[in-house]
């Protein structure tokens, strides 16, 4: 993703066959600070499409390192957290998006992940 300077759509299917993810207004990158804009959001398709928009509480949109990729934050929780090996993830209610759990369980295994660069 380092060569793309565009919005990204992250799509995840977990071990419970739930589909959810994040829309990011910035390319995914390694950063010690949060980045992105309030146009970012989380979404889930269970039991129907739910979109979780920015609450204006904080600006913790995206943060990435070699160890993890996180979307949304606050109060020690991430709306969506992915382990660096993209095998495991976690979804928690976070202040940035005031989202419900995106998966059936807080911790999940990732069956498939896709990232689309929207150019």
C-alpha atoms as a PDB file:
ATOM      1  CA  UNK A   1       0.000   0.000   0.000  1.00  0.00           C
ATOM      2  CA  UNK A   2       3.029   2.294   0.342  1.00  0.00           C
ATOM      3  CA  UNK A   3       2.867   3.211  -3.349  1.00  0.00           C
ATOM      4  CA  UNK A   4      -0.787   4.298  -3.217  1.00  0.00           C
ATOM      5  CA  UNK A   5      -1.943   7.680  -1.971  1.00  0.00           C
ATOM      6  CA  UNK A   6      -5.674   7.055  -1.939  1.00  0.00           C
ATOM      7  CA  UNK A   7      -8.630   5.892   0.126  1.00  0.00           C
ATOM      8  CA  UNK A   8      -8.725   2.228   1.101  1.00  0.00           C
ATOM      9  CA  UNK A   9     -11.476  -0.254   1.829  1.00  0.00           C
ATOM     10  CA  UNK A  10     -10.590  -3.107   4.197  1.00  0.00           C
ATOM     11  CA  UNK A  11     -12.854  -6.165   3.982  1.00  0.00           C
ATOM     12  CA  UNK A  12     -12.579  -9.035   6.488  1.00  0.00           C
ATOM     13  CA  UNK A  13     -14.333 -12.392   6.720  1.00  0.00           C
ATOM     14  CA  UNK A  14     -13.817 -14.030  10.095  1.00  0.00           C
ATOM     15  CA  UNK A  15     -14.049 -17.620  11.318  1.00  0.00           C
ATOM     16  CA  UNK A  16     -17.777 -17.086  12.022  1.00  0.00           C
ATOM     17  CA  UNK A  17     -18.293 -16.113   8.360  1.00  0.00           C
ATOM     18  CA  UNK A  18     -19.090 -12.518   9.343  1.00  0.00           C
ATOM     19  CA  UNK A  19     -18.024  -9.792   6.924  1.00  0.00           C
ATOM     20  CA  UNK A  20     -16.970  -6.370   8.215  1.00  0.00           C
ATOM     21  CA  UNK A  21     -14.211  -3.830   7.917  1.00  0.00           C
ATOM     22  CA  UNK A  22     -13.172  -0.225   7.583  1.00  0.00           C
ATOM     23  CA  UNK A  23     -13.181   2.552   5.029  1.00  0.00           C
ATOM     24  CA  UNK A  24     -10.125   4.755   5.349  1.00  0.00           C
ATOM     25  CA  UNK A  25      -9.640   8.153   3.791  1.00  0.00           C
ATOM     26  CA  UNK A  26      -5.881   7.643   3.764  1.00  0.00           C
ATOM     27  CA  UNK A  27      -3.558   4.881   2.559  1.00  0.00           C
ATOM     28  CA  UNK A  28      -2.552   2.254   5.116  1.00  0.00           C
ATOM     29  CA  UNK A  29       0.945   2.850   6.455  1.00  0.00           C
ATOM     30  CA  UNK A  30       3.175   2.416   9.463  1.00  0.00           C
ATOM     31  CA  UNK A  31       2.725   5.354  11.813  1.00  0.00           C
ATOM     32  CA  UNK A  32       3.428   6.003  15.480  1.00  0.00           C
ATOM     33  CA  UNK A  33       0.477   8.418  15.558  1.00  0.00           C
ATOM     34  CA  UNK A  34      -3.135   8.101  14.488  1.00  0.00           C
ATOM     35  CA  UNK A  35      -3.972   9.535  11.076  1.00  0.00           C
ATOM     36  CA  UNK A  36      -6.919   9.815   8.680  1.00  0.00           C
ATOM     37  CA  UNK A  37     -10.029  11.979   8.655  1.00  0.00           C
ATOM     38  CA  UNK A  38     -13.573  11.986   9.998  1.00  0.00           C
ATOM     39  CA  UNK A  39     -14.840  10.557   6.720  1.00  0.00           C
ATOM     40  CA  UNK A  40     -13.436   7.159   7.804  1.00  0.00           C
ATOM     41  CA  UNK A  41     -15.899   4.612   9.156  1.00  0.00           C
ATOM     42  CA  UNK A  42     -16.357   1.010  10.301  1.00  0.00           C
ATOM     43  CA  UNK A  43     -19.023  -1.290   8.901  1.00  0.00           C
ATOM     44  CA  UNK A  44     -20.545  -4.731   9.435  1.00  0.00           C
ATOM     45  CA  UNK A  45     -22.935  -6.912   7.449  1.00  0.00           C
ATOM     46  CA  UNK A  46     -24.486  -8.796  10.386  1.00  0.00           C
ATOM     47  CA  UNK A  47     -27.411  -9.204  10.543  1.00  0.00           C
ATOM     48  CA  UNK A  48     -27.725  -6.308   8.058  1.00  0.00           C
ATOM     49  CA  UNK A  49     -25.489  -3.462   6.911  1.00  0.00           C
ATOM     50  CA  UNK A  50     -24.455  -1.192   9.771  1.00  0.00           C
ATOM     51  CA  UNK A  51     -22.178   1.808   9.231  1.00  0.00           C
ATOM     52  CA  UNK A  52     -20.431   3.398  12.214  1.00  0.00           C
ATOM     53  CA  UNK A  53     -19.440   6.984  11.516  1.00  0.00           C
ATOM     54  CA  UNK A  54     -17.155   9.333  13.396  1.00  0.00           C
ATOM     55  CA  UNK A  55     -18.577  10.546  16.719  1.00  0.00           C
ATOM     56  CA  UNK A  56     -16.335  13.660  16.952  1.00  0.00           C
ATOM     57  CA  UNK A  57     -15.131  12.377  20.367  1.00  0.00           C
ATOM     58  CA  UNK A  58     -11.525  11.932  19.215  1.00  0.00           C
ATOM     59  CA  UNK A  59      -9.492  11.596  16.018  1.00  0.00           C
ATOM     60  CA  UNK A  60      -8.186   8.030  16.462  1.00  0.00           C
ATOM     61  CA  UNK A  61      -8.960   6.841  12.937  1.00  0.00           C
ATOM     62  CA  UNK A  62      -6.065   4.616  11.781  1.00  0.00           C
ATOM     63  CA  UNK A  63      -2.786   3.515  13.348  1.00  0.00           C
ATOM     64  CA  UNK A  64      -0.435   0.880  11.994  1.00  0.00           C
ATOM     65  CA  UNK A  65       2.818  -0.836  12.876  1.00  0.00           C
ATOM     66  CA  UNK A  66       4.512  -4.108  11.951  1.00  0.00           C
ATOM     67  CA  UNK A  67       2.717  -5.687  14.931  1.00  0.00           C
ATOM     68  CA  UNK A  68      -0.855  -4.494  14.288  1.00  0.00           C
ATOM     69  CA  UNK A  69      -3.286  -2.343  12.351  1.00  0.00           C
ATOM     70  CA  UNK A  70      -5.980  -0.503  14.297  1.00  0.00           C
ATOM     71  CA  UNK A  71      -9.096   1.448  13.315  1.00  0.00           C
ATOM     72  CA  UNK A  72     -10.818   3.633  15.904  1.00  0.00           C
ATOM     73  CA  UNK A  73      -9.774   3.927  19.511  1.00  0.00           C
ATOM     74  CA  UNK A  74     -10.232   5.490  22.890  1.00  0.00           C
ATOM     75  CA  UNK A  75     -10.452   4.232  26.437  1.00  0.00           C
ATOM     76  CA  UNK A  76      -7.976   1.442  25.701  1.00  0.00           C
ATOM     77  CA  UNK A  77     -10.242  -0.129  23.058  1.00  0.00           C
ATOM     78  CA  UNK A  78     -10.016  -0.401  19.292  1.00  0.00           C
ATOM     79  CA  UNK A  79     -13.051  -0.565  17.026  1.00  0.00           C
ATOM     80  CA  UNK A  80     -11.116  -2.999  14.843  1.00  0.00           C
ATOM     81  CA  UNK A  81      -7.644  -4.365  15.584  1.00  0.00           C
ATOM     82  CA  UNK A  82      -5.750  -6.748  13.302  1.00  0.00           C
ATOM     83  CA  UNK A  83      -2.620  -8.641  14.319  1.00  0.00           C
ATOM     84  CA  UNK A  84       0.400  -7.977  12.099  1.00  0.00           C
ATOM     85  CA  UNK A  85       0.286 -11.509  10.658  1.00  0.00           C
ATOM     86  CA  UNK A  86      -3.397 -10.958   9.687  1.00  0.00           C
ATOM     87  CA  UNK A  87      -4.445 -14.225  11.335  1.00  0.00           C
ATOM     88  CA  UNK A  88      -6.228 -12.793  14.373  1.00  0.00           C
ATOM     89  CA  UNK A  89      -8.342  -9.765  15.173  1.00  0.00           C
ATOM     90  CA  UNK A  90     -10.396  -8.061  17.844  1.00  0.00           C
ATOM     91  CA  UNK A  91     -13.389  -5.756  17.754  1.00  0.00           C
ATOM     92  CA  UNK A  92     -14.477  -3.625  20.679  1.00  0.00           C
ATOM     93  CA  UNK A  93     -16.750  -0.650  21.167  1.00  0.00           C
ATOM     94  CA  UNK A  94     -14.586   2.444  20.728  1.00  0.00           C
ATOM     95  CA  UNK A  95     -15.088   6.160  21.294  1.00  0.00           C
ATOM     96  CA  UNK A  96     -14.134   7.137  17.735  1.00  0.00           C
ATOM     97  CA  UNK A  97     -17.047   5.304  16.080  1.00  0.00           C
ATOM     98  CA  UNK A  98     -19.278   4.172  18.996  1.00  0.00           C
ATOM     99  CA  UNK A  99     -19.576   0.868  17.155  1.00  0.00           C
ATOM    100  CA  UNK A 100     -21.036  -2.445  18.201  1.00  0.00           C
ATOM    101  CA  UNK A 101     -18.829  -5.526  17.952  1.00  0.00           C
ATOM    102  CA  UNK A 102     -18.181  -6.144  14.274  1.00  0.00           C
ATOM    103  CA  UNK A 103     -17.853  -9.916  14.785  1.00  0.00           C
ATOM    104  CA  UNK A 104     -20.002 -12.250  16.893  1.00  0.00           C
ATOM    105  CA  UNK A 105     -17.178 -12.400  19.433  1.00  0.00           C
ATOM    106  CA  UNK A 106     -14.652  -9.816  20.577  1.00  0.00           C
ATOM    107  CA  UNK A 107     -11.702 -11.970  19.492  1.00  0.00           C
ATOM    108  CA  UNK A 108     -11.790 -13.744  16.144  1.00  0.00           C
ATOM    109  CA  UNK A 109      -9.656 -15.493  13.559  1.00  0.00           C
ATOM    110  CA  UNK A 110      -9.402 -14.015  10.083  1.00  0.00           C
ATOM    111  CA  UNK A 111     -10.389 -16.351   7.223  1.00  0.00           C
ATOM    112  CA  UNK A 112      -9.887 -13.767   4.466  1.00  0.00           C
ATOM    113  CA  UNK A 113      -8.847 -10.144   4.157  1.00  0.00           C
ATOM    114  CA  UNK A 114      -8.932  -7.843   1.154  1.00  0.00           C
ATOM    115  CA  UNK A 115      -7.728  -4.262   0.847  1.00  0.00           C
ATOM    116  CA  UNK A 116      -8.956  -2.215  -2.095  1.00  0.00           C
ATOM    117  CA  UNK A 117      -7.210   0.995  -3.108  1.00  0.00           C
ATOM    118  CA  UNK A 118      -9.850   3.410  -4.411  1.00  0.00           C
ATOM    119  CA  UNK A 119      -8.107   5.514  -7.029  1.00  0.00           C
END
